[in-house]
Structures are given as C-alpha cells and as structure tokens.
Amino acid sequence: MKFGTMTFISAPSDCDEKFSRLRENGFDACQLVYKPEVYTDEAAKEIKSRAEYYGIDISAQFAGFRDAEIAWYDTRYLARTLGIAVPAYRLERMKYLKSAIEFASKAGIPDVVIHAGYIPNDLLSEGYADMLTAVDSVAKHCEAQGVNLLLETGTECPIILKALIEDVGRSNVYINFDPANILMYGFGNPVDALTVFGKYVRNMHGKDGCLPTNPHRFGEEKAVGQGMVDFPAIFRKFREIGYDRYCIIEREISGEQQLRDILAAKEYLTSLV
C-alpha cells in the first residue's frame, strides 16, 4: 500500500515545494487538489514532469468546483448546495469538471475524485434519476479520456452509493472511501460500509472523525486515532476484500499541527499494514 496526503497547489510552480516536502516526510503518493480558473495543457505537462522528477505517484486528481464556497456542510443545506446534484449549479459545475478530467488525462493521472452530492434514498425519485444522468455523463467523459471516476463517500448511505454505481453500469466508476465521512455525516459504520462496497473501492482517505449529535451539524473531524473510526478493523477488512492500493491521509486543519497529525497518522496506519 502506498501512503500519501492531500496535496493542494494553486499553480504548477508550487509542485517543487510540495512534492519535495512529500518526499522529505516519507511519502511517495498524493491526491492532487488543483482548481485553476482554466486548466491548460501546459500545466498538465509541467505537473506530470515534476511528479516524475520527484517520484511522486499522483493517485488521483481531487476535482472540486470554482464555486465550492457556496456548499454548506450541514444536514439542512448540503443536498441543495453540494456537487452536481444541484440543478441550479449543475451545468457550470459539470463543464468545469469535464475540463478537470481532460487535464487529469493529459497529466497522466488515472483517477478523478469528486463529491458528486446528495443521492436520494428513493431510487424511483426524480432526484435520483437526475443524479444518475449527471454521473453517467461525467463517467462517459472520463471513459473517453481514459480515466476512472471515483465517488467520495459520506453524503449517502453505502447501499445507495453502490446502487448508483451499478445503475450507471460503466466499468470506470469506483469509490474513494473516506471512513470518517461515513461517520461524520451520520450514514453508517465505515467497517460495515466496506462489506457493501467491496470491489468498488479504488482509493481511500486516512481520516478520522466522530458521529454527529446535533441533528443539523455533521460530526467533528479529528486527528487519526482520536476519533471513532476503527482503523484496525478497516485494515483487516481491506485484506479480506483485497484492497492494497493507496492510503491518502487527510487532516482538515492547517499549520504545524496539521503536519504533526499527518506524520503521526502515517506512523500509526503503516503499522496496521
């Protein structure tokens, strides 16, 4: 299993600093978070070149949206603000997302991860049909570019995410497994979720968190080992389902404490492997 971190850049010129720091801290992989106003072929070429120079495996492009600040991460408003599920923002977000997919292909990045948005539990609802159509359109574009589409877990119960993937029916749609999100959003137990997801897990976030207690707020993200995620059980389940690809550590704070928590997480999680 390769270990890495979420790596944010605002321009290709950031790569030398970010990739060298990954190497200094003992990482050989990352998920790249890059959301420029416009994706260019030149940026793809430069980022690919710098990753090869430093020996960093960019396992996926975490593709966000330029208007991400309008997403409200709570149980009241998430379904109406996040991802390609929202009719008011769907067209522009999908247009930007498809340009990110083309960038990933040119940069030699095999997978694109997205927060697709809320998936209704009612498989016969109009909202589910809309999400199915949107995800299929994005997956088709990924297929044409030779990359995979990975759906981040959290905003839906596990069996509904599996239903969506199988209803799309394309061979390039997988899961980016975030065990903390499944807990923090209140949709289940991540160990049980792995039993449901099985072969569809293609990448994962090493992130910890807690169940919500306020019905209008998600649970709190924590440093790995300080939340409620049962990582030993998750890694045992990984062995059962044959998952041995990436563990991308995510810590949603900034500054020196973030780095300390990431390094502590790496030490702990590698011991489980």
C-alpha atoms as a PDB file:
ATOM      1  CA  MET A   1       0.000   0.000   0.000  1.00  0.00           C
ATOM      2  CA  LYS A   2       1.270   3.468  -0.881  1.00  0.00           C
ATOM      3  CA  PHE A   3       0.857   6.319   1.582  1.00  0.00           C
ATOM      4  CA  GLY A   4       0.362   9.947   0.663  1.00  0.00           C
ATOM      5  CA  THR A   5      -1.502  13.118   1.530  1.00  0.00           C
ATOM      6  CA  MET A   6      -3.962  15.529   0.019  1.00  0.00           C
ATOM      7  CA  THR A   7      -1.680  17.976  -1.799  1.00  0.00           C
ATOM      8  CA  PHE A   8      -3.044  21.415  -2.648  1.00  0.00           C
ATOM      9  CA  ILE A   9      -1.458  23.593  -5.321  1.00  0.00           C
ATOM     10  CA  SER A  10      -2.607  26.899  -6.774  1.00  0.00           C
ATOM     11  CA  ALA A  11      -0.212  26.732  -9.757  1.00  0.00           C
ATOM     12  CA  PRO A  12       2.277  24.247 -11.287  1.00  0.00           C
ATOM     13  CA  SER A  13       5.104  26.329  -9.825  1.00  0.00           C
ATOM     14  CA  ASP A  14       4.050  25.061  -6.374  1.00  0.00           C
ATOM     15  CA  CYS A  15       4.968  21.485  -7.288  1.00  0.00           C
ATOM     16  CA  ASP A  16       8.675  21.640  -6.436  1.00  0.00           C
ATOM     17  CA  GLU A  17       7.970  22.745  -2.887  1.00  0.00           C
ATOM     18  CA  LYS A  18       5.004  20.424  -2.331  1.00  0.00           C
ATOM     19  CA  PHE A  19       6.459  17.289  -3.937  1.00  0.00           C
ATOM     20  CA  SER A  20       9.881  17.689  -2.293  1.00  0.00           C
ATOM     21  CA  ARG A  21       8.156  18.096   1.069  1.00  0.00           C
ATOM     22  CA  LEU A  22       6.199  14.885   0.482  1.00  0.00           C
ATOM     23  CA  ARG A  23       9.464  13.061  -0.126  1.00  0.00           C
ATOM     24  CA  GLU A  24      11.106  14.611   2.950  1.00  0.00           C
ATOM     25  CA  ASN A  25       8.228  13.333   5.057  1.00  0.00           C
ATOM     26  CA  GLY A  26       8.449   9.800   3.679  1.00  0.00           C
ATOM     27  CA  PHE A  27       5.516   9.849   1.256  1.00  0.00           C
ATOM     28  CA  ASP A  28       5.553   8.613  -2.325  1.00  0.00           C
ATOM     29  CA  ALA A  29       1.968   9.385  -3.352  1.00  0.00           C
ATOM     30  CA  CYS A  30      -0.721  12.043  -3.153  1.00  0.00           C
ATOM     31  CA  GLN A  31      -4.123  13.130  -4.314  1.00  0.00           C
ATOM     32  CA  LEU A  32      -3.694  16.402  -6.156  1.00  0.00           C
ATOM     33  CA  VAL A  33      -6.126  19.234  -5.393  1.00  0.00           C
ATOM     34  CA  TYR A  34      -5.778  21.807  -8.175  1.00  0.00           C
ATOM     35  CA  LYS A  35      -8.634  24.145  -9.119  1.00  0.00           C
ATOM     36  CA  PRO A  36      -7.371  26.829 -11.514  1.00  0.00           C
ATOM     37  CA  GLU A  37      -9.671  29.213 -13.314  1.00  0.00           C
ATOM     38  CA  VAL A  38      -8.749  27.422 -16.539  1.00  0.00           C
ATOM     39  CA  TYR A  39      -6.979  24.075 -16.959  1.00  0.00           C
ATOM     40  CA  THR A  40      -4.243  24.145 -19.596  1.00  0.00           C
ATOM     41  CA  ASP A  41      -2.161  21.600 -21.471  1.00  0.00           C
ATOM     42  CA  GLU A  42       0.990  23.395 -20.333  1.00  0.00           C
ATOM     43  CA  ALA A  43       0.040  22.989 -16.660  1.00  0.00           C
ATOM     44  CA  ALA A  44      -0.688  19.290 -17.175  1.00  0.00           C
ATOM     45  CA  LYS A  45       2.692  18.763 -18.816  1.00  0.00           C
ATOM     46  CA  GLU A  46       4.587  20.629 -16.094  1.00  0.00           C
ATOM     47  CA  ILE A  47       2.831  18.898 -13.184  1.00  0.00           C
ATOM     48  CA  LYS A  48       3.408  15.498 -14.760  1.00  0.00           C
ATOM     49  CA  SER A  49       7.092  16.327 -15.259  1.00  0.00           C
ATOM     50  CA  ARG A  50       7.584  17.473 -11.644  1.00  0.00           C
ATOM     51  CA  ALA A  51       5.811  14.412 -10.237  1.00  0.00           C
ATOM     52  CA  GLU A  52       8.063  12.139 -12.291  1.00  0.00           C
ATOM     53  CA  TYR A  53      11.168  14.061 -11.203  1.00  0.00           C
ATOM     54  CA  TYR A  54      10.356  13.670  -7.503  1.00  0.00           C
ATOM     55  CA  GLY A  55       8.985  10.137  -7.827  1.00  0.00           C
ATOM     56  CA  ILE A  56       5.524  11.111  -6.612  1.00  0.00           C
ATOM     57  CA  ASP A  57       2.622   8.929  -7.685  1.00  0.00           C
ATOM     58  CA  ILE A  58      -0.374  11.235  -8.213  1.00  0.00           C
ATOM     59  CA  SER A  59      -3.012   8.622  -7.497  1.00  0.00           C
ATOM     60  CA  ALA A  60      -5.930  10.919  -8.330  1.00  0.00           C
ATOM     61  CA  GLN A  61      -6.977  14.451  -9.109  1.00  0.00           C
ATOM     62  CA  PHE A  62      -9.461  15.570  -6.442  1.00  0.00           C
ATOM     63  CA  ALA A  63     -11.640  17.706  -8.675  1.00  0.00           C
ATOM     64  CA  GLY A  64     -13.621  20.390  -6.933  1.00  0.00           C
ATOM     65  CA  PHE A  65     -15.601  23.332  -8.233  1.00  0.00           C
ATOM     66  CA  ARG A  66     -14.738  27.009  -8.516  1.00  0.00           C
ATOM     67  CA  ASP A  67     -17.873  27.934  -6.547  1.00  0.00           C
ATOM     68  CA  ALA A  68     -17.207  25.471  -3.717  1.00  0.00           C
ATOM     69  CA  GLU A  69     -17.600  28.183  -1.077  1.00  0.00           C
ATOM     70  CA  ILE A  70     -21.374  28.089  -1.509  1.00  0.00           C
ATOM     71  CA  ALA A  71     -21.561  24.478  -0.293  1.00  0.00           C
ATOM     72  CA  TRP A  72     -22.953  24.315   3.255  1.00  0.00           C
ATOM     73  CA  TYR A  73     -21.675  21.240   5.047  1.00  0.00           C
ATOM     74  CA  ASP A  74     -24.602  20.565   7.330  1.00  0.00           C
ATOM     75  CA  THR A  75     -27.598  18.274   7.187  1.00  0.00           C
ATOM     76  CA  ARG A  76     -30.074  21.028   6.270  1.00  0.00           C
ATOM     77  CA  TYR A  77     -28.404  22.578   3.230  1.00  0.00           C
ATOM     78  CA  LEU A  78     -25.879  20.082   1.845  1.00  0.00           C
ATOM     79  CA  ALA A  79     -28.328  18.474  -0.571  1.00  0.00           C
ATOM     80  CA  ARG A  80     -29.143  21.888  -2.065  1.00  0.00           C
ATOM     81  CA  THR A  81     -25.584  23.211  -2.374  1.00  0.00           C
ATOM     82  CA  LEU A  82     -23.060  20.387  -2.963  1.00  0.00           C
ATOM     83  CA  GLY A  83     -21.849  18.830  -6.188  1.00  0.00           C
ATOM     84  CA  ILE A  84     -23.547  18.053  -9.473  1.00  0.00           C
ATOM     85  CA  ALA A  85     -26.789  17.096  -7.755  1.00  0.00           C
ATOM     86  CA  VAL A  86     -27.935  20.725  -7.536  1.00  0.00           C
ATOM     87  CA  PRO A  87     -29.933  21.786 -10.629  1.00  0.00           C
ATOM     88  CA  ALA A  88     -29.081  25.494 -10.308  1.00  0.00           C
ATOM     89  CA  TYR A  89     -25.313  24.819 -10.461  1.00  0.00           C
ATOM     90  CA  ARG A  90     -25.144  21.549 -12.382  1.00  0.00           C
ATOM     91  CA  LEU A  91     -24.380  22.845 -15.876  1.00  0.00           C
ATOM     92  CA  GLU A  92     -21.459  25.093 -14.931  1.00  0.00           C
ATOM     93  CA  ARG A  93     -20.033  22.590 -12.468  1.00  0.00           C
ATOM     94  CA  MET A  94     -20.137  19.757 -14.985  1.00  0.00           C
ATOM     95  CA  LYS A  95     -18.498  21.941 -17.615  1.00  0.00           C
ATOM     96  CA  TYR A  96     -15.641  22.740 -15.208  1.00  0.00           C
ATOM     97  CA  LEU A  97     -15.426  19.130 -14.024  1.00  0.00           C
ATOM     98  CA  LYS A  98     -15.070  17.849 -17.573  1.00  0.00           C
ATOM     99  CA  SER A  99     -12.156  20.228 -18.148  1.00  0.00           C
ATOM    100  CA  ALA A 100     -10.557  18.802 -14.967  1.00  0.00           C
ATOM    101  CA  ILE A 101     -10.980  15.302 -16.385  1.00  0.00           C
ATOM    102  CA  GLU A 102      -9.210  16.310 -19.602  1.00  0.00           C
ATOM    103  CA  PHE A 103      -6.419  17.862 -17.535  1.00  0.00           C
ATOM    104  CA  ALA A 104      -6.008  14.663 -15.489  1.00  0.00           C
ATOM    105  CA  SER A 105      -5.751  12.583 -18.640  1.00  0.00           C
ATOM    106  CA  LYS A 106      -3.049  14.850 -20.084  1.00  0.00           C
ATOM    107  CA  ALA A 107      -1.166  14.878 -16.769  1.00  0.00           C
ATOM    108  CA  GLY A 108      -1.118  11.080 -16.655  1.00  0.00           C
ATOM    109  CA  ILE A 109      -3.393  10.939 -13.592  1.00  0.00           C
ATOM    110  CA  PRO A 110      -5.539   7.789 -13.791  1.00  0.00           C
ATOM    111  CA  ASP A 111      -8.417   8.720 -11.474  1.00  0.00           C
ATOM    112  CA  VAL A 112     -10.622  11.735 -10.797  1.00  0.00           C
ATOM    113  CA  VAL A 113     -12.340  12.000  -7.391  1.00  0.00           C
ATOM    114  CA  ILE A 114     -15.468  14.106  -6.857  1.00  0.00           C
ATOM    115  CA  HIS A 115     -18.055  14.858  -4.216  1.00  0.00           C
ATOM    116  CA  ALA A 116     -20.990  14.149  -6.510  1.00  0.00           C
ATOM    117  CA  GLY A 117     -23.509  15.450  -3.977  1.00  0.00           C
ATOM    118  CA  TYR A 118     -26.513  14.056  -2.168  1.00  0.00           C
ATOM    119  CA  ILE A 119     -28.029  10.867  -3.613  1.00  0.00           C
ATOM    120  CA  PRO A 120     -31.705  10.380  -2.632  1.00  0.00           C
ATOM    121  CA  ASN A 121     -32.600   7.128  -0.896  1.00  0.00           C
ATOM    122  CA  ASP A 122     -35.669   6.810  -3.136  1.00  0.00           C
ATOM    123  CA  LEU A 123     -34.346   5.065  -6.239  1.00  0.00           C
ATOM    124  CA  LEU A 124     -37.542   5.946  -8.125  1.00  0.00           C
ATOM    125  CA  SER A 125     -37.381   9.656  -7.334  1.00  0.00           C
ATOM    126  CA  GLU A 126     -36.738  12.441  -9.808  1.00  0.00           C
ATOM    127  CA  GLY A 127     -33.680  13.490  -7.778  1.00  0.00           C
ATOM    128  CA  TYR A 128     -32.126  10.033  -8.099  1.00  0.00           C
ATOM    129  CA  ALA A 129     -32.785   9.998 -11.839  1.00  0.00           C
ATOM    130  CA  ASP A 130     -31.154  13.431 -12.173  1.00  0.00           C
ATOM    131  CA  MET A 131     -28.065  12.272 -10.255  1.00  0.00           C
ATOM    132  CA  LEU A 132     -27.881   9.073 -12.285  1.00  0.00           C
ATOM    133  CA  THR A 133     -27.927  11.057 -15.528  1.00  0.00           C
ATOM    134  CA  ALA A 134     -25.318  13.554 -14.298  1.00  0.00           C
ATOM    135  CA  VAL A 135     -22.903  10.905 -13.009  1.00  0.00           C
ATOM    136  CA  ASP A 136     -23.303   8.868 -16.180  1.00  0.00           C
ATOM    137  CA  SER A 137     -22.448  11.933 -18.277  1.00  0.00           C
ATOM    138  CA  VAL A 138     -19.296  12.591 -16.233  1.00  0.00           C
ATOM    139  CA  ALA A 139     -18.312   8.910 -16.280  1.00  0.00           C
ATOM    140  CA  LYS A 140     -18.765   8.792 -20.050  1.00  0.00           C
ATOM    141  CA  HIS A 141     -16.431  11.778 -20.422  1.00  0.00           C
ATOM    142  CA  CYS A 142     -13.907  10.042 -18.147  1.00  0.00           C
ATOM    143  CA  GLU A 143     -14.186   6.930 -20.299  1.00  0.00           C
ATOM    144  CA  ALA A 144     -13.388   8.931 -23.437  1.00  0.00           C
ATOM    145  CA  GLN A 145     -10.322  10.395 -21.708  1.00  0.00           C
ATOM    146  CA  GLY A 146      -9.095   7.042 -20.393  1.00  0.00           C
ATOM    147  CA  VAL A 147      -9.552   7.821 -16.688  1.00  0.00           C
ATOM    148  CA  ASN A 148     -11.712   6.488 -13.868  1.00  0.00           C
ATOM    149  CA  LEU A 149     -14.348   8.376 -11.885  1.00  0.00           C
ATOM    150  CA  LEU A 150     -14.229   7.896  -8.103  1.00  0.00           C
ATOM    151  CA  LEU A 151     -17.179   8.988  -5.969  1.00  0.00           C
ATOM    152  CA  GLU A 152     -16.283  10.210  -2.478  1.00  0.00           C
ATOM    153  CA  THR A 153     -18.271   8.577   0.322  1.00  0.00           C
ATOM    154  CA  GLY A 154     -20.254  10.356   3.004  1.00  0.00           C
ATOM    155  CA  THR A 155     -23.349  12.091   1.720  1.00  0.00           C
ATOM    156  CA  GLU A 156     -25.416   8.932   1.248  1.00  0.00           C
ATOM    157  CA  CYS A 157     -25.910   5.551   2.894  1.00  0.00           C
ATOM    158  CA  PRO A 158     -23.489   2.959   1.457  1.00  0.00           C
ATOM    159  CA  ILE A 159     -26.026   0.759  -0.321  1.00  0.00           C
ATOM    160  CA  ILE A 160     -27.400   3.777  -2.222  1.00  0.00           C
ATOM    161  CA  LEU A 161     -23.925   4.676  -3.496  1.00  0.00           C
ATOM    162  CA  LYS A 162     -23.449   1.093  -4.661  1.00  0.00           C
ATOM    163  CA  ALA A 163     -26.861   1.203  -6.340  1.00  0.00           C
ATOM    164  CA  LEU A 164     -25.912   4.359  -8.227  1.00  0.00           C
ATOM    165  CA  ILE A 165     -22.637   2.860  -9.458  1.00  0.00           C
ATOM    166  CA  GLU A 166     -24.340  -0.306 -10.654  1.00  0.00           C
ATOM    167  CA  ASP A 167     -27.213   1.624 -12.229  1.00  0.00           C
ATOM    168  CA  VAL A 168     -24.701   3.758 -14.160  1.00  0.00           C
ATOM    169  CA  GLY A 169     -23.250   0.465 -15.317  1.00  0.00           C
ATOM    170  CA  ARG A 170     -19.886   1.702 -16.583  1.00  0.00           C
ATOM    171  CA  SER A 171     -16.666  -0.130 -15.814  1.00  0.00           C
ATOM    172  CA  ASN A 172     -14.766   3.038 -14.842  1.00  0.00           C
ATOM    173  CA  VAL A 173     -16.857   4.173 -11.848  1.00  0.00           C
ATOM    174  CA  TYR A 174     -15.446   3.419  -8.397  1.00  0.00           C
ATOM    175  CA  ILE A 175     -15.361   4.674  -4.803  1.00  0.00           C
ATOM    176  CA  ASN A 176     -12.974   6.918  -2.915  1.00  0.00           C
ATOM    177  CA  PHE A 177     -13.518   5.507   0.565  1.00  0.00           C
ATOM    178  CA  ASP A 178     -13.492   8.124   3.336  1.00  0.00           C
ATOM    179  CA  PRO A 179     -14.273   6.281   6.583  1.00  0.00           C
ATOM    180  CA  ALA A 180     -14.558   9.480   8.610  1.00  0.00           C
ATOM    181  CA  ASN A 181     -17.179  10.987   6.298  1.00  0.00           C
ATOM    182  CA  ILE A 182     -19.434   7.952   6.672  1.00  0.00           C
ATOM    183  CA  LEU A 183     -19.412   8.515  10.435  1.00  0.00           C
ATOM    184  CA  MET A 184     -19.409  12.325  10.446  1.00  0.00           C
ATOM    185  CA  TYR A 185     -22.364  12.582   8.070  1.00  0.00           C
ATOM    186  CA  GLY A 186     -24.286  10.047  10.129  1.00  0.00           C
ATOM    187  CA  PHE A 187     -24.842   7.447   7.426  1.00  0.00           C
ATOM    188  CA  GLY A 188     -23.324   4.363   8.970  1.00  0.00           C
ATOM    189  CA  ASN A 189     -20.306   2.411  10.143  1.00  0.00           C
ATOM    190  CA  PRO A 190     -17.299   2.503   7.778  1.00  0.00           C
ATOM    191  CA  VAL A 191     -16.323  -1.105   8.542  1.00  0.00           C
ATOM    192  CA  ASP A 192     -19.791  -2.288   7.557  1.00  0.00           C
ATOM    193  CA  ALA A 193     -19.678   0.007   4.519  1.00  0.00           C
ATOM    194  CA  LEU A 194     -16.606  -1.802   3.212  1.00  0.00           C
ATOM    195  CA  THR A 195     -18.605  -5.025   3.183  1.00  0.00           C
ATOM    196  CA  VAL A 196     -21.114  -3.280   0.937  1.00  0.00           C
ATOM    197  CA  PHE A 197     -18.571  -1.505  -1.295  1.00  0.00           C
ATOM    198  CA  GLY A 198     -16.133  -4.389  -1.793  1.00  0.00           C
ATOM    199  CA  LYS A 199     -14.503  -4.313  -5.233  1.00  0.00           C
ATOM    200  CA  TYR A 200     -15.567  -0.722  -5.945  1.00  0.00           C
ATOM    201  CA  VAL A 201     -13.026   0.825  -3.525  1.00  0.00           C
ATOM    202  CA  ARG A 202     -10.110   2.173  -5.559  1.00  0.00           C
ATOM    203  CA  ASN A 203      -8.658   4.858  -3.251  1.00  0.00           C
ATOM    204  CA  MET A 204      -9.161   5.947   0.350  1.00  0.00           C
ATOM    205  CA  HIS A 205      -8.670   8.802   2.781  1.00  0.00           C
ATOM    206  CA  GLY A 206      -6.914   8.155   6.054  1.00  0.00           C
ATOM    207  CA  LYS A 207      -9.163  10.458   8.049  1.00  0.00           C
ATOM    208  CA  ASP A 208     -10.849  10.198  11.443  1.00  0.00           C
ATOM    209  CA  GLY A 209     -13.970  11.743  12.905  1.00  0.00           C
ATOM    210  CA  CYS A 210     -16.985  11.332  15.160  1.00  0.00           C
ATOM    211  CA  LEU A 211     -20.678  10.691  14.803  1.00  0.00           C
ATOM    212  CA  PRO A 212     -22.908  13.769  14.845  1.00  0.00           C
ATOM    213  CA  THR A 213     -25.001  14.502  17.922  1.00  0.00           C
ATOM    214  CA  ASN A 214     -26.591  17.740  16.682  1.00  0.00           C
ATOM    215  CA  PRO A 215     -29.144  16.777  14.002  1.00  0.00           C
ATOM    216  CA  HIS A 216     -28.288  19.913  11.995  1.00  0.00           C
ATOM    217  CA  ARG A 217     -24.497  19.584  12.067  1.00  0.00           C
ATOM    218  CA  PHE A 218     -22.069  16.933  10.903  1.00  0.00           C
ATOM    219  CA  GLY A 219     -19.742  15.217  13.342  1.00  0.00           C
ATOM    220  CA  GLU A 220     -16.316  16.639  14.115  1.00  0.00           C
ATOM    221  CA  GLU A 221     -13.215  15.691  12.143  1.00  0.00           C
ATOM    222  CA  LYS A 222     -10.335  14.501  14.342  1.00  0.00           C
ATOM    223  CA  ALA A 223      -6.695  13.514  14.069  1.00  0.00           C
ATOM    224  CA  VAL A 224      -6.319   9.851  13.131  1.00  0.00           C
ATOM    225  CA  GLY A 225      -6.625   7.744  16.282  1.00  0.00           C
ATOM    226  CA  GLN A 226      -8.580  10.395  18.178  1.00  0.00           C
ATOM    227  CA  GLY A 227     -11.962   9.830  16.551  1.00  0.00           C
ATOM    228  CA  MET A 228     -14.366   6.914  16.249  1.00  0.00           C
ATOM    229  CA  VAL A 229     -13.044   5.196  13.103  1.00  0.00           C
ATOM    230  CA  ASP A 230     -11.917   1.641  13.879  1.00  0.00           C
ATOM    231  CA  PHE A 231      -8.825   1.581  11.668  1.00  0.00           C
ATOM    232  CA  PRO A 232      -7.572  -1.865  12.767  1.00  0.00           C
ATOM    233  CA  ALA A 233     -10.919  -3.358  11.718  1.00  0.00           C
ATOM    234  CA  ILE A 234     -10.846  -1.393   8.449  1.00  0.00           C
ATOM    235  CA  PHE A 235      -7.398  -2.679   7.541  1.00  0.00           C
ATOM    236  CA  ARG A 236      -8.475  -6.232   8.389  1.00  0.00           C
ATOM    237  CA  LYS A 237     -11.430  -5.756   6.054  1.00  0.00           C
ATOM    238  CA  PHE A 238      -9.081  -4.382   3.385  1.00  0.00           C
ATOM    239  CA  ARG A 239      -7.191  -7.654   3.496  1.00  0.00           C
ATOM    240  CA  GLU A 240     -10.451  -9.584   3.129  1.00  0.00           C
ATOM    241  CA  ILE A 241     -11.577  -7.665   0.056  1.00  0.00           C
ATOM    242  CA  GLY A 242      -8.072  -7.483  -1.456  1.00  0.00           C
ATOM    243  CA  TYR A 243      -7.589  -3.717  -1.267  1.00  0.00           C
ATOM    244  CA  ASP A 244      -3.905  -2.725  -1.268  1.00  0.00           C
ATOM    245  CA  ARG A 245      -3.665   0.488  -3.313  1.00  0.00           C
ATOM    246  CA  TYR A 246      -3.462   3.887  -1.566  1.00  0.00           C
ATOM    247  CA  CYS A 247      -3.999   5.466   1.821  1.00  0.00           C
ATOM    248  CA  ILE A 248      -4.167   9.238   1.363  1.00  0.00           C
ATOM    249  CA  ILE A 249      -4.030  10.949   4.753  1.00  0.00           C
ATOM    250  CA  GLU A 250      -6.333  13.930   5.177  1.00  0.00           C
ATOM    251  CA  ARG A 251      -6.357  16.335   8.129  1.00  0.00           C
ATOM    252  CA  GLU A 252      -8.725  19.287   7.822  1.00  0.00           C
ATOM    253  CA  ILE A 253      -6.717  21.872   9.750  1.00  0.00           C
ATOM    254  CA  SER A 254      -3.693  23.969   8.766  1.00  0.00           C
ATOM    255  CA  GLY A 255      -0.289  24.892  10.175  1.00  0.00           C
ATOM    256  CA  GLU A 256       2.327  22.916  12.069  1.00  0.00           C
ATOM    257  CA  GLN A 257      -0.227  20.854  13.974  1.00  0.00           C
ATOM    258  CA  GLN A 258      -1.591  19.564  10.682  1.00  0.00           C
ATOM    259  CA  LEU A 259       1.840  18.220   9.723  1.00  0.00           C
ATOM    260  CA  ARG A 260       2.352  16.671  13.161  1.00  0.00           C
ATOM    261  CA  ASP A 261      -1.024  14.933  12.925  1.00  0.00           C
ATOM    262  CA  ILE A 262      -0.321  13.698   9.391  1.00  0.00           C
ATOM    263  CA  LEU A 263       3.045  12.224  10.370  1.00  0.00           C
ATOM    264  CA  ALA A 264       1.529  10.582  13.449  1.00  0.00           C
ATOM    265  CA  ALA A 265      -1.236   9.152  11.248  1.00  0.00           C
ATOM    266  CA  LYS A 266       1.330   7.747   8.819  1.00  0.00           C
ATOM    267  CA  GLU A 267       3.223   6.021  11.620  1.00  0.00           C
ATOM    268  CA  TYR A 268       0.033   4.529  13.057  1.00  0.00           C
ATOM    269  CA  LEU A 269      -1.572   3.448   9.759  1.00  0.00           C
ATOM    270  CA  THR A 270       1.591   1.908   8.320  1.00  0.00           C
ATOM    271  CA  SER A 271       1.814  -0.212  11.469  1.00  0.00           C
ATOM    272  CA  LEU A 272      -1.604  -1.654  10.630  1.00  0.00           C
ATOM    273  CA  VAL A 273      -0.433  -2.755   7.198  1.00  0.00           C
END
